[in-house]
């Protein structure tokens, strides 16, 4: 399209617009053609209107397309994540926009979270406000696959953990497997052009080194031709705060850093070469040069060099932790510095690269404008050189270091070689440091008070081999070290005051004759010795020694913290594989503490002896008191340090003894108490305790009960306590207990127990045990003792009592010279039969099977004899509700006839005859009279119904019942055995035949056939022996089922598939 304007003369004007499909001319003057212009004008108007409509529709489509394709894109994202990740990926919402990364389609995952599994379960690898993935628009709309062009993280929080064995939580991709068919989730090519992180936060915790790095306010971006094999990566990184800690030493603390670099990336060789680099940490500029290569997954090869183009001491001082303050620019500083080094070689599990670090400070000095004192005369000449692949060849050579603070000089030298095989040192330190002057010369954030004197005059020239071999004549170790009146107060920590700490060096050991301090509310006094101080410099050597510790009062709560960072929880790891710098000493401790405060408990008269490292403690013996309770024993604990300060799991085995121990103070409140209801509590088994306790307690109190001579084993792990062979004396009898107690769900603790009580008094148990009182309320009317064995499982309430609605139990109870007395139904039976002695039912050595299921207690029928009257008793009752029992009596006619004299004679017999007549039963001829008493209602308000049964011969009910029941039982068992055997064999054959087809269906068929055989057998037995025999068979089966539960009970066995 082009425009022509032509004015050949005044008064004549021509305007021409040319387009491939249009030629429009407008003329003025004498040659004006108005009709032609008018037609073309209307045509152009329509064209422009049409173009406007198309443009509006196009823009609208750009807005609408993301919504039309949102579901499809979300499905592909989740499918790809589930297909390729072992971690859990989740996001709050998905936003799509064509304009945010135009001309690319931006897929935004809002509230993105990636949470670890396995050893990192529950730990979030990434939390991100939004992850923007820029994809090719055409591929998203019409292609078979989505092509990723870039990704952008907004306010991400990244937590990286590497365990001592090298396991990392960022390794979340599933292992690749040979693909038979390409999947949609696997076809998402990445053709990056740019990536960026805005306002990020990264925490890197590598315990295999060990190293920790924390970055806040991270802004990073990179761009390049990422699809090429060799390309230049252009990056820029700005960090608001950077902290680095390595092997216990803080190298950087909240330093400000920036890095602009161009790296040549050779992807086939995985080699990255620095072409340009500009690194600045606080005020120090560093020049980096060289390359870094990753030839495989297990090793790195590098040749890197660093140096500082600046030579002012002030710039180097800025990287010292705490030195770079807001008024750093106004600091007065002098002196020169030279700083540089290299890292060259191969790094793997077996080898280290060679490295060298050189630092030289010449007459450095500084003074902060906000502080009254300065530091001058700073001289450092240091060279750390490791020329080979092993650290044993490393040397640390500091021929001189010196400084002066106020009027107090400090000067020394240090040399170390062969640190792994034979640490050899040559050092001398002399000087005096006034901590009050230090606080006036160097800024200390958060420190409220610092004072005291540190004096040293120490010489050491020796090797580890000389000390181990006892060649003390070749060892030159002498001098003294002393701290006096040290006071330290800082925000968030208890105040510390060291009154005196003195130490002296000799060729044999380092002696600490006196340590006297007050740590917060606690006092501490100690003395001891360190036998091989040079082990500190050997990574694989353990420092040994012995100490005596004494304290009148120690408050451990002041020193327990929630961990290094609440935002960075620590992953769980097995202590057997965890190496920690604190584990490099092993001291023999003889300690005694008058009172120790730990959480809500106060321990007194605490004494212990043993070998200790922070994570491994072996107790030769220990003893303590908690209130009126005493405890002593021995054993071993592992991972204690991490348990106390990092909430990890403590492991161990302890042998415990006590003369008296009260468990009630350890009950954990679940909810605050109110005035109207007492506080309810459960005893929680800690989930971070994996421990075995062998107990021997003479007296132990639990709730209102006191047990004696308690012995047994308790194993705690993952919130579950397993009880094995636990026995004790209680209420004049004995108790044996085994099973499990599970508090993994604190609001719903469960139990699965096998309980045996021997020689226990009925009324004692009724008055002492709420559970027994609820399950057997009739015990209040029973005199004598009993034995019982039962299995029981269910849920415990907050009051540590079973939730009876969930209780299942089965077992037997054996009476020992027992009798039921003052029980209203018995009194009524006695009155009806006019036999006074029936009001007291004697239970001589009976064995009674019972079962508790769905809130109802069923007592299997049993027989007993009261003088001439034979009785059969059985039935059931609900928990605190109705009861349904039957008492069948078989009474000799003679006993009724002679039961009373005079006008009352035969009163019972006359009553029976009258009742029998109501049912049309003739009792005139029988020698024995049978009566059934149905007891219903409740214990407080029982109801007794009577039914007269036909009379029989002259045999007693015990004989009758014994023979009849025995015959029925024998016949039932024989018939049942034959029928069941036959049916079971048939079922087994059918099951085996089915098993050849499918194992799972065989199990189902076999189970079904066996159950059908049992049911059919019972039906045939019922037909053969009559209704009563059928009932007896059911009773036999139920009793056998209860016995089977007792025999097979084992809550600790592994569940079979």
Foldseek 3Di string as FASTA:
>chain_A
DDWDWDDPDPQKIKIWDDDPVDIAIAIGHPPGDVVVNVVVVVVVVVVVVVVVVVVVVVVVCQVCVCVVCVVVVVVLVVVLCVQWFQWDWDADDWDWHCPVPPVWIWIKGAQIWTAFDDLRHPFTQKTFRIKIWTWHPCCSPPNLEIETAEIETEAMEGEWEAALVGDIRVPTTDDDDDDPDDDRSVPYHYFYFKYWYAQYWYWHAYQNQGKIKTFGGKIKMWGWRVVDQKIKIWMKIWTQFMWMDTQRRTQAGGWTKIKTWIWIARNVFQKIFTPAIWIATQQWTKGKGWMKTDNDDFKIFIKMKMWTPAFFPLSVQCRHYQFVDPQSVVKDKGWTKTWIKIWGGMDGPQFGTWIKIWIWTAFIKIAGPVFDWIKTDWTWGWMWTDHTGDCQAIKIWTQKTWIDQDNKIKIKTWIWHRLAPKTWIWMWIFIKDFFQSVCRHGPDPQWPDWGWMKGWTWTWGDIQVCQVVVVQVPTDTWIKIKIAFTWTDGPPAAIKTWHIWMWIIGSQWIWTAWTWIAGRPWTKIKTWIWGRPSLLSHPPAAIEIEMEMETAEEECVRVFDAAPDPSGADGADDLVSRDDSQQRYKYWYWYFYQWYHDPPWIKGGWTFTFIDTLFKTWTPKIKIATVPWIKMWTWMKGGNNCCRHRVAAIEIEIEMETAEEECVVQWDFPDDQDPVGGTFTHRWQDQRYFYKYWYFYQWYHDDHWIWGRWTFMWTGHRRKIWTDQTKTDGQNWIKTKTWMWHCNPVQKIKTKMKIKIGFHFLCVCCVPPPQSCQACVLSVQKGAGKIKIKIKIAIAHSNRHGPLQGIWMWIKMWTDFMKGAPQVVQCVVCVLLLNVQSNIGTRHGDIWIWIRDRQKIWIQWDWDDDVQKIWIKTWIQGRVWKTKMKIKIKHFPVCSQPSDDDPCGNVNVVSLCVQCVVVPEDAPPARIWIKMWIWMGDSVDIDIDIDTDHHDYDDHCCVVCVVVLVVLVVVLCVQLVVQLVVQLVVQLVVLVVVVVVPVVVSVVSSVVSSVVSNVVSLVVSCVVPHPVSSVSSVSVVVRVVSVVCSVPDDNPDDDDD
